[in-house]
Amino acid sequence: IRDVTPTRAIITARKDPDAVEDSRRPTWLKAEFLVKGMPEVVDPGQEVNLSITVRNEGHSRWVTAKEQPDKGHVCLGGRITRISDPLWSREVDWVSLPAFVEPGDSAQLSLGIKLPDESGDYEMELDLVSINVSWFQECGSLPATAHFSVRSEPTRANHSR
């Protein structure tokens, strides 16, 4: 602040030369998800392959592990939680971005998941994470969620696998 009068203030600002404009800045992380391939009812231990489109709705470039191996590269991760027992959960495998993603652009990711062996109702939550910075959800972005049920017995078709 250079000067303050009863009717105005004069403020001088300049960009921080050390500021980053990529996914190492948590306040700029926001994503939109489109998940395809998750059935509502599955067999115990069934494996599913998901196709996930992530769109960069934030203000920073999402970088890859190749560009930023230690901090700030973006990966898809998440967990599966049993609805009747929220203490039961397990992480899904993480998937790295295939290339950087500019604001407004999208990336296509594939995720293979082995679903739980125990019957019951579950929730899967997928989110992006800027490694050693923040999960996108912590920055106000909404994760992708899917609810599914594991049947008590596998279907006959799965016995022939």
N, C-alpha and C. Protein backbone atom coordinates (compact mmCIF):
# COMPACT_ATOMS: atom_id res chain seq x y z
N ILE A 1 0.88 -1.16 0.00
CA ILE A 1 0.00 0.00 0.00
C ILE A 1 0.92 1.21 0.00
N ARG A 2 0.75 2.05 -1.01
CA ARG A 2 1.63 3.22 -1.13
C ARG A 2 1.05 4.46 -0.49
N ASP A 3 -0.29 4.58 -0.55
CA ASP A 3 -0.91 5.78 0.02
C ASP A 3 -2.38 5.48 0.29
N VAL A 4 -2.90 6.01 1.38
CA VAL A 4 -4.31 5.85 1.72
C VAL A 4 -4.85 7.22 2.09
N THR A 5 -5.96 7.58 1.44
CA THR A 5 -6.65 8.84 1.76
C THR A 5 -8.08 8.48 2.13
N PRO A 6 -8.87 9.42 2.59
CA PRO A 6 -10.26 9.09 2.91
C PRO A 6 -11.08 8.63 1.71
N THR A 7 -10.64 8.91 0.50
CA THR A 7 -11.44 8.56 -0.68
C THR A 7 -10.81 7.50 -1.58
N ARG A 8 -9.55 7.13 -1.35
CA ARG A 8 -8.93 6.12 -2.20
C ARG A 8 -7.65 5.58 -1.58
N ALA A 9 -7.19 4.45 -2.16
CA ALA A 9 -5.92 3.87 -1.76
C ALA A 9 -5.11 3.60 -3.01
N ILE A 10 -3.82 3.79 -2.91
CA ILE A 10 -2.92 3.47 -4.02
C ILE A 10 -2.14 2.23 -3.62
N ILE A 11 -2.29 1.19 -4.43
CA ILE A 11 -1.65 -0.09 -4.15
C ILE A 11 -0.76 -0.45 -5.33
N THR A 12 0.42 -0.89 -5.04
CA THR A 12 1.34 -1.36 -6.08
C THR A 12 1.46 -2.87 -5.93
N ALA A 13 1.33 -3.57 -7.03
CA ALA A 13 1.46 -5.03 -7.01
C ALA A 13 2.35 -5.47 -8.15
N ARG A 14 3.09 -6.53 -7.91
CA ARG A 14 3.88 -7.13 -8.97
C ARG A 14 3.87 -8.63 -8.78
N LYS A 15 4.00 -9.32 -9.86
CA LYS A 15 3.97 -10.77 -9.82
C LYS A 15 5.20 -11.29 -9.09
N ASP A 16 4.97 -12.30 -8.25
CA ASP A 16 6.06 -12.96 -7.56
C ASP A 16 6.87 -13.74 -8.60
N PRO A 17 8.16 -13.42 -8.75
CA PRO A 17 8.94 -14.13 -9.77
C PRO A 17 9.08 -15.62 -9.50
N ASP A 18 8.85 -16.05 -8.25
CA ASP A 18 8.94 -17.47 -7.93
C ASP A 18 7.60 -18.18 -7.98
N ALA A 19 6.51 -17.45 -8.29
CA ALA A 19 5.19 -18.07 -8.34
C ALA A 19 5.11 -19.07 -9.49
N VAL A 20 4.38 -20.15 -9.26
CA VAL A 20 4.20 -21.16 -10.30
C VAL A 20 2.77 -21.09 -10.82
N GLU A 21 2.62 -21.39 -12.08
CA GLU A 21 1.29 -21.37 -12.68
C GLU A 21 0.92 -22.75 -13.21
N ASP A 22 1.27 -23.75 -12.43
CA ASP A 22 0.90 -25.11 -12.82
C ASP A 22 0.28 -25.80 -11.61
N SER A 23 0.16 -27.12 -11.68
CA SER A 23 -0.57 -27.87 -10.66
C SER A 23 0.13 -27.91 -9.30
N ARG A 24 1.21 -27.18 -9.13
CA ARG A 24 1.81 -27.04 -7.79
C ARG A 24 1.10 -25.95 -6.98
N ARG A 25 0.17 -25.22 -7.61
CA ARG A 25 -0.57 -24.16 -6.91
C ARG A 25 -1.96 -24.70 -6.56
N PRO A 26 -2.21 -25.06 -5.30
CA PRO A 26 -3.47 -25.75 -4.95
C PRO A 26 -4.73 -24.94 -5.17
N THR A 27 -4.68 -23.63 -5.06
CA THR A 27 -5.91 -22.85 -5.20
C THR A 27 -6.44 -22.86 -6.63
N TRP A 28 -5.66 -23.37 -7.58
CA TRP A 28 -6.10 -23.37 -8.97
C TRP A 28 -6.50 -24.75 -9.47
N LEU A 29 -6.67 -25.70 -8.60
CA LEU A 29 -6.96 -27.08 -9.01
C LEU A 29 -8.46 -27.35 -9.00
N LYS A 30 -8.99 -27.67 -10.17
CA LYS A 30 -10.40 -28.02 -10.27
C LYS A 30 -10.58 -28.93 -11.48
N ALA A 31 -11.38 -30.00 -11.28
CA ALA A 31 -11.59 -30.98 -12.34
C ALA A 31 -13.05 -31.34 -12.47
N GLU A 32 -13.39 -31.82 -13.65
CA GLU A 32 -14.71 -32.40 -13.92
C GLU A 32 -14.46 -33.81 -14.44
N PHE A 33 -15.26 -34.77 -13.99
CA PHE A 33 -15.06 -36.18 -14.33
C PHE A 33 -16.22 -36.74 -15.12
N LEU A 34 -15.91 -37.65 -16.03
CA LEU A 34 -16.89 -38.48 -16.70
C LEU A 34 -16.36 -39.91 -16.63
N VAL A 35 -17.07 -40.79 -15.90
CA VAL A 35 -16.62 -42.17 -15.69
C VAL A 35 -17.57 -43.09 -16.44
N LYS A 36 -16.99 -43.95 -17.27
CA LYS A 36 -17.78 -44.94 -18.01
C LYS A 36 -17.28 -46.34 -17.67
N GLY A 37 -18.23 -47.28 -17.57
CA GLY A 37 -17.88 -48.68 -17.40
C GLY A 37 -18.10 -49.25 -16.01
N MET A 38 -18.68 -48.46 -15.09
CA MET A 38 -18.91 -48.97 -13.73
C MET A 38 -20.32 -49.51 -13.62
N PRO A 39 -20.48 -50.84 -13.50
CA PRO A 39 -21.82 -51.41 -13.35
C PRO A 39 -22.38 -51.15 -11.95
N GLU A 40 -23.69 -51.24 -11.82
CA GLU A 40 -24.34 -51.01 -10.52
C GLU A 40 -24.30 -52.26 -9.64
N VAL A 41 -24.28 -53.44 -10.26
CA VAL A 41 -24.22 -54.70 -9.53
C VAL A 41 -23.07 -55.52 -10.12
N VAL A 42 -22.22 -56.04 -9.22
CA VAL A 42 -21.05 -56.79 -9.67
C VAL A 42 -20.95 -58.10 -8.91
N ASP A 43 -20.16 -59.00 -9.44
CA ASP A 43 -19.87 -60.27 -8.78
C ASP A 43 -18.72 -60.08 -7.80
N PRO A 44 -18.62 -60.94 -6.78
CA PRO A 44 -17.50 -60.85 -5.84
C PRO A 44 -16.16 -60.94 -6.58
N GLY A 45 -15.27 -59.99 -6.29
CA GLY A 45 -13.95 -60.00 -6.90
C GLY A 45 -13.89 -59.66 -8.37
N GLN A 46 -15.00 -59.21 -8.94
CA GLN A 46 -15.04 -58.89 -10.37
C GLN A 46 -14.05 -57.79 -10.70
N GLU A 47 -13.45 -57.89 -11.87
CA GLU A 47 -12.57 -56.83 -12.35
C GLU A 47 -13.31 -56.00 -13.38
N VAL A 48 -13.20 -54.67 -13.24
CA VAL A 48 -13.83 -53.78 -14.20
C VAL A 48 -12.76 -52.84 -14.76
N ASN A 49 -12.97 -52.45 -15.99
CA ASN A 49 -12.09 -51.48 -16.64
C ASN A 49 -12.89 -50.21 -16.88
N LEU A 50 -12.45 -49.13 -16.26
CA LEU A 50 -13.14 -47.86 -16.38
C LEU A 50 -12.44 -46.95 -17.37
N SER A 51 -13.24 -46.19 -18.09
CA SER A 51 -12.75 -45.15 -18.96
C SER A 51 -13.12 -43.82 -18.30
N ILE A 52 -12.13 -43.01 -18.00
CA ILE A 52 -12.35 -41.79 -17.24
C ILE A 52 -11.83 -40.59 -18.03
N THR A 53 -12.72 -39.66 -18.27
CA THR A 53 -12.32 -38.40 -18.88
C THR A 53 -12.24 -37.36 -17.78
N VAL A 54 -11.09 -36.69 -17.67
CA VAL A 54 -10.93 -35.62 -16.70
C VAL A 54 -10.72 -34.32 -17.47
N ARG A 55 -11.50 -33.32 -17.11
CA ARG A 55 -11.41 -32.01 -17.76
C ARG A 55 -10.85 -31.00 -16.76
N ASN A 56 -9.87 -30.24 -17.21
CA ASN A 56 -9.24 -29.23 -16.37
C ASN A 56 -10.14 -27.99 -16.34
N GLU A 57 -10.85 -27.81 -15.23
CA GLU A 57 -11.74 -26.66 -15.05
C GLU A 57 -11.08 -25.57 -14.20
N GLY A 58 -9.82 -25.75 -13.89
CA GLY A 58 -9.10 -24.77 -13.07
C GLY A 58 -8.32 -23.78 -13.91
N HIS A 59 -7.36 -23.14 -13.26
CA HIS A 59 -6.59 -22.07 -13.91
C HIS A 59 -5.13 -22.42 -14.10
N SER A 60 -4.75 -23.66 -13.83
CA SER A 60 -3.35 -24.02 -13.97
C SER A 60 -3.18 -25.23 -14.87
N ARG A 61 -2.01 -25.32 -15.43
CA ARG A 61 -1.64 -26.47 -16.25
C ARG A 61 -1.37 -27.65 -15.33
N TRP A 62 -1.94 -28.82 -15.65
CA TRP A 62 -1.65 -30.03 -14.89
C TRP A 62 -0.40 -30.66 -15.50
N VAL A 63 0.61 -30.85 -14.70
CA VAL A 63 1.86 -31.39 -15.21
C VAL A 63 1.97 -32.88 -14.92
N THR A 64 2.89 -33.53 -15.60
CA THR A 64 3.10 -34.96 -15.47
C THR A 64 4.31 -35.23 -14.57
N ALA A 65 4.49 -36.50 -14.21
CA ALA A 65 5.64 -36.90 -13.40
C ALA A 65 6.94 -36.67 -14.15
N LYS A 66 6.88 -36.70 -15.46
CA LYS A 66 8.09 -36.45 -16.26
C LYS A 66 8.53 -34.99 -16.10
N GLU A 67 7.56 -34.07 -16.04
CA GLU A 67 7.88 -32.64 -15.89
C GLU A 67 8.22 -32.27 -14.45
N GLN A 68 7.51 -32.84 -13.49
CA GLN A 68 7.68 -32.52 -12.07
C GLN A 68 7.68 -33.82 -11.27
N PRO A 69 8.79 -34.54 -11.22
CA PRO A 69 8.78 -35.85 -10.55
C PRO A 69 8.57 -35.80 -9.04
N ASP A 70 8.97 -34.73 -8.38
CA ASP A 70 8.92 -34.70 -6.92
C ASP A 70 7.67 -34.06 -6.35
N LYS A 71 7.14 -33.07 -7.02
CA LYS A 71 6.02 -32.32 -6.46
C LYS A 71 5.18 -31.70 -7.57
N GLY A 72 3.85 -31.88 -7.45
CA GLY A 72 2.94 -31.17 -8.35
C GLY A 72 2.44 -31.93 -9.55
N HIS A 73 2.96 -33.15 -9.81
CA HIS A 73 2.39 -33.87 -10.96
C HIS A 73 1.05 -34.47 -10.55
N VAL A 74 0.17 -34.57 -11.54
CA VAL A 74 -1.22 -34.96 -11.28
C VAL A 74 -1.45 -36.43 -11.58
N CYS A 75 -2.13 -37.10 -10.65
CA CYS A 75 -2.51 -38.51 -10.79
C CYS A 75 -3.97 -38.66 -10.41
N LEU A 76 -4.58 -39.73 -10.91
CA LEU A 76 -5.92 -40.12 -10.50
C LEU A 76 -5.77 -41.17 -9.41
N GLY A 77 -6.53 -41.02 -8.35
CA GLY A 77 -6.53 -42.00 -7.27
C GLY A 77 -7.91 -42.06 -6.65
N GLY A 78 -8.05 -42.82 -5.62
CA GLY A 78 -9.34 -42.89 -4.96
C GLY A 78 -9.43 -44.07 -4.03
N ARG A 79 -10.65 -44.33 -3.58
CA ARG A 79 -10.87 -45.43 -2.66
C ARG A 79 -12.26 -45.99 -2.80
N ILE A 80 -12.39 -47.23 -2.36
CA ILE A 80 -13.68 -47.90 -2.28
C ILE A 80 -13.99 -48.06 -0.80
N THR A 81 -15.21 -47.71 -0.40
CA THR A 81 -15.64 -47.79 0.99
C THR A 81 -16.92 -48.60 1.09
N ARG A 82 -17.01 -49.46 2.09
CA ARG A 82 -18.23 -50.21 2.34
C ARG A 82 -19.22 -49.27 3.06
N ILE A 83 -20.41 -49.13 2.53
CA ILE A 83 -21.37 -48.18 3.08
C ILE A 83 -21.79 -48.57 4.50
N SER A 84 -21.95 -49.86 4.78
CA SER A 84 -22.37 -50.30 6.12
C SER A 84 -21.23 -50.22 7.14
N ASP A 85 -20.01 -50.07 6.69
CA ASP A 85 -18.85 -50.03 7.59
C ASP A 85 -17.83 -49.06 7.01
N PRO A 86 -18.02 -47.74 7.23
CA PRO A 86 -17.12 -46.74 6.64
C PRO A 86 -15.66 -46.89 7.03
N LEU A 87 -15.36 -47.68 8.08
CA LEU A 87 -13.96 -47.91 8.44
C LEU A 87 -13.30 -48.90 7.48
N TRP A 88 -14.13 -49.68 6.73
CA TRP A 88 -13.58 -50.59 5.74
C TRP A 88 -13.41 -49.80 4.45
N SER A 89 -12.19 -49.66 4.01
CA SER A 89 -11.95 -49.00 2.72
C SER A 89 -10.63 -49.51 2.17
N ARG A 90 -10.50 -49.32 0.88
CA ARG A 90 -9.22 -49.66 0.26
C ARG A 90 -9.00 -48.72 -0.93
N GLU A 91 -7.74 -48.41 -1.14
CA GLU A 91 -7.38 -47.51 -2.23
C GLU A 91 -7.45 -48.24 -3.56
N VAL A 92 -7.71 -47.47 -4.62
CA VAL A 92 -7.60 -48.00 -5.97
C VAL A 92 -6.20 -47.64 -6.48
N ASP A 93 -5.72 -48.36 -7.48
CA ASP A 93 -4.41 -48.04 -8.04
C ASP A 93 -4.41 -46.64 -8.63
N TRP A 94 -3.28 -45.99 -8.54
CA TRP A 94 -3.16 -44.64 -9.07
C TRP A 94 -2.79 -44.69 -10.55
N VAL A 95 -3.26 -43.70 -11.29
CA VAL A 95 -2.97 -43.59 -12.71
C VAL A 95 -2.41 -42.20 -12.98
N SER A 96 -1.28 -42.15 -13.64
CA SER A 96 -0.65 -40.87 -13.97
C SER A 96 -1.23 -40.29 -15.26
N LEU A 97 -1.14 -38.99 -15.38
CA LEU A 97 -1.55 -38.34 -16.63
C LEU A 97 -0.62 -38.77 -17.76
N PRO A 98 -1.17 -39.00 -18.97
CA PRO A 98 -0.30 -39.37 -20.09
C PRO A 98 0.46 -38.18 -20.65
N ALA A 99 -0.07 -36.97 -20.45
CA ALA A 99 0.56 -35.74 -20.96
C ALA A 99 0.00 -34.57 -20.14
N PHE A 100 0.66 -33.41 -20.22
CA PHE A 100 0.14 -32.25 -19.49
C PHE A 100 -1.24 -31.87 -20.02
N VAL A 101 -2.02 -31.20 -19.17
CA VAL A 101 -3.39 -30.81 -19.53
C VAL A 101 -3.55 -29.32 -19.22
N GLU A 102 -3.80 -28.54 -20.24
CA GLU A 102 -4.00 -27.10 -20.08
C GLU A 102 -5.42 -26.82 -19.58
N PRO A 103 -5.66 -25.67 -18.96
CA PRO A 103 -7.02 -25.30 -18.56
C PRO A 103 -7.98 -25.39 -19.76
N GLY A 104 -9.13 -26.02 -19.54
CA GLY A 104 -10.13 -26.18 -20.58
C GLY A 104 -9.96 -27.46 -21.40
N ASP A 105 -8.81 -28.10 -21.30
CA ASP A 105 -8.55 -29.34 -22.05
C ASP A 105 -8.89 -30.56 -21.20
N SER A 106 -8.93 -31.73 -21.85
CA SER A 106 -9.27 -32.97 -21.18
C SER A 106 -8.20 -34.03 -21.42
N ALA A 107 -8.20 -35.04 -20.56
CA ALA A 107 -7.33 -36.20 -20.73
C ALA A 107 -8.18 -37.45 -20.54
N GLN A 108 -7.81 -38.50 -21.25
CA GLN A 108 -8.50 -39.79 -21.16
C GLN A 108 -7.62 -40.75 -20.37
N LEU A 109 -8.19 -41.35 -19.33
CA LEU A 109 -7.46 -42.29 -18.49
C LEU A 109 -8.19 -43.63 -18.45
N SER A 110 -7.44 -44.71 -18.27
CA SER A 110 -8.02 -46.04 -18.10
C SER A 110 -7.61 -46.55 -16.72
N LEU A 111 -8.57 -47.17 -16.04
CA LEU A 111 -8.32 -47.66 -14.70
C LEU A 111 -8.95 -49.04 -14.55
N GLY A 112 -8.13 -50.04 -14.26
CA GLY A 112 -8.62 -51.38 -13.98
C GLY A 112 -8.72 -51.56 -12.47
N ILE A 113 -9.86 -52.07 -12.00
CA ILE A 113 -10.09 -52.22 -10.57
C ILE A 113 -10.62 -53.62 -10.28
N LYS A 114 -10.02 -54.28 -9.28
CA LYS A 114 -10.59 -55.52 -8.76
C LYS A 114 -11.50 -55.12 -7.62
N LEU A 115 -12.78 -55.45 -7.75
CA LEU A 115 -13.78 -55.05 -6.76
C LEU A 115 -13.78 -56.01 -5.57
N PRO A 116 -14.38 -55.61 -4.45
CA PRO A 116 -14.34 -56.43 -3.24
C PRO A 116 -14.93 -57.82 -3.42
N ASP A 117 -14.44 -58.75 -2.60
CA ASP A 117 -14.95 -60.13 -2.59
C ASP A 117 -16.19 -60.27 -1.72
N GLU A 118 -16.36 -59.39 -0.75
CA GLU A 118 -17.46 -59.49 0.20
C GLU A 118 -18.71 -58.82 -0.36
N SER A 119 -19.87 -59.49 -0.18
CA SER A 119 -21.12 -58.91 -0.66
C SER A 119 -21.47 -57.67 0.17
N GLY A 120 -22.22 -56.79 -0.43
CA GLY A 120 -22.63 -55.57 0.25
C GLY A 120 -22.71 -54.39 -0.70
N ASP A 121 -23.01 -53.22 -0.13
CA ASP A 121 -23.11 -51.98 -0.90
C ASP A 121 -21.85 -51.15 -0.66
N TYR A 122 -21.34 -50.58 -1.73
CA TYR A 122 -20.08 -49.85 -1.69
C TYR A 122 -20.19 -48.51 -2.42
N GLU A 123 -19.26 -47.63 -2.07
CA GLU A 123 -19.10 -46.37 -2.79
C GLU A 123 -17.66 -46.28 -3.26
N MET A 124 -17.49 -45.90 -4.52
CA MET A 124 -16.15 -45.63 -5.04
C MET A 124 -16.04 -44.14 -5.28
N GLU A 125 -14.97 -43.56 -4.80
CA GLU A 125 -14.72 -42.13 -4.99
C GLU A 125 -13.39 -41.99 -5.72
N LEU A 126 -13.39 -41.26 -6.82
CA LEU A 126 -12.18 -41.01 -7.59
C LEU A 126 -11.90 -39.52 -7.58
N ASP A 127 -10.65 -39.17 -7.43
CA ASP A 127 -10.25 -37.76 -7.41
C ASP A 127 -8.86 -37.65 -8.02
N LEU A 128 -8.51 -36.44 -8.38
CA LEU A 128 -7.15 -36.17 -8.83
C LEU A 128 -6.36 -35.65 -7.64
N VAL A 129 -5.07 -35.89 -7.69
CA VAL A 129 -4.17 -35.39 -6.65
C VAL A 129 -2.96 -34.76 -7.31
N SER A 130 -2.57 -33.61 -6.81
CA SER A 130 -1.30 -33.01 -7.19
C SER A 130 -0.31 -33.49 -6.14
N ILE A 131 0.59 -34.36 -6.54
CA ILE A 131 1.46 -35.06 -5.61
C ILE A 131 2.25 -34.09 -4.72
N ASN A 132 2.18 -34.37 -3.42
CA ASN A 132 2.83 -33.56 -2.38
C ASN A 132 2.32 -32.12 -2.33
N VAL A 133 1.12 -31.90 -2.91
CA VAL A 133 0.49 -30.57 -2.83
C VAL A 133 -0.90 -30.72 -2.20
N SER A 134 -1.83 -31.37 -2.92
CA SER A 134 -3.19 -31.47 -2.41
C SER A 134 -4.04 -32.36 -3.29
N TRP A 135 -5.04 -33.02 -2.67
CA TRP A 135 -6.11 -33.64 -3.44
C TRP A 135 -6.97 -32.50 -3.99
N PHE A 136 -7.53 -32.68 -5.18
CA PHE A 136 -8.36 -31.63 -5.78
C PHE A 136 -9.59 -31.34 -4.93
N GLN A 137 -10.16 -32.37 -4.28
CA GLN A 137 -11.34 -32.18 -3.45
C GLN A 137 -11.05 -31.18 -2.32
N GLU A 138 -9.86 -31.20 -1.78
CA GLU A 138 -9.49 -30.26 -0.72
C GLU A 138 -9.42 -28.82 -1.21
N CYS A 139 -9.40 -28.65 -2.54
CA CYS A 139 -9.35 -27.32 -3.14
C CYS A 139 -10.73 -26.88 -3.64
N GLY A 140 -11.77 -27.67 -3.32
CA GLY A 140 -13.13 -27.31 -3.70
C GLY A 140 -13.67 -28.02 -4.92
N SER A 141 -12.88 -28.88 -5.55
CA SER A 141 -13.33 -29.64 -6.71
C SER A 141 -14.15 -30.85 -6.22
N LEU A 142 -15.15 -31.25 -6.99
CA LEU A 142 -15.97 -32.41 -6.61
C LEU A 142 -15.38 -33.68 -7.21
N PRO A 143 -15.20 -34.72 -6.38
CA PRO A 143 -14.70 -35.99 -6.92
C PRO A 143 -15.80 -36.72 -7.69
N ALA A 144 -15.41 -37.75 -8.42
CA ALA A 144 -16.38 -38.63 -9.08
C ALA A 144 -16.77 -39.71 -8.09
N THR A 145 -18.06 -40.00 -7.98
CA THR A 145 -18.50 -41.06 -7.08
C THR A 145 -19.40 -42.04 -7.84
N ALA A 146 -19.35 -43.28 -7.42
CA ALA A 146 -20.22 -44.31 -7.99
C ALA A 146 -20.60 -45.27 -6.86
N HIS A 147 -21.84 -45.67 -6.84
CA HIS A 147 -22.32 -46.66 -5.88
C HIS A 147 -22.54 -47.97 -6.61
N PHE A 148 -22.18 -49.07 -5.95
CA PHE A 148 -22.39 -50.38 -6.56
C PHE A 148 -22.62 -51.41 -5.46
N SER A 149 -23.20 -52.52 -5.85
CA SER A 149 -23.45 -53.63 -4.94
C SER A 149 -22.71 -54.86 -5.42
N VAL A 150 -22.13 -55.58 -4.47
CA VAL A 150 -21.50 -56.86 -4.77
C VAL A 150 -22.50 -57.93 -4.40
N ARG A 151 -22.85 -58.80 -5.36
CA ARG A 151 -23.79 -59.89 -5.10
C ARG A 151 -23.16 -60.89 -4.16
N SER A 152 -24.02 -61.66 -3.52
CA SER A 152 -23.49 -62.66 -2.59
C SER A 152 -22.88 -63.86 -3.31
N GLU A 153 -23.35 -64.18 -4.51
CA GLU A 153 -22.83 -65.31 -5.28
C GLU A 153 -22.50 -64.84 -6.69
N PRO A 154 -21.41 -65.33 -7.27
CA PRO A 154 -21.10 -64.95 -8.66
C PRO A 154 -22.12 -65.54 -9.62
N THR A 155 -22.32 -64.86 -10.75
CA THR A 155 -23.23 -65.38 -11.76
C THR A 155 -22.58 -66.55 -12.47
N ARG A 156 -23.40 -67.33 -13.12
CA ARG A 156 -22.91 -68.52 -13.82
C ARG A 156 -21.88 -68.15 -14.89
N ALA A 157 -22.07 -67.02 -15.54
CA ALA A 157 -21.14 -66.60 -16.60
C ALA A 157 -19.73 -66.43 -16.04
N ASN A 158 -19.61 -65.99 -14.80
CA ASN A 158 -18.28 -65.79 -14.22
C ASN A 158 -17.59 -67.09 -13.83
N HIS A 159 -18.34 -68.20 -13.70
CA HIS A 159 -17.71 -69.48 -13.38
C HIS A 159 -16.89 -70.00 -14.55
N SER A 160 -17.21 -69.56 -15.76
CA SER A 160 -16.51 -70.06 -16.94
C SER A 160 -15.25 -69.27 -17.25
N ARG A 161 -14.94 -68.25 -16.44
CA ARG A 161 -13.74 -67.45 -16.73
C ARG A 161 -12.48 -68.19 -16.43
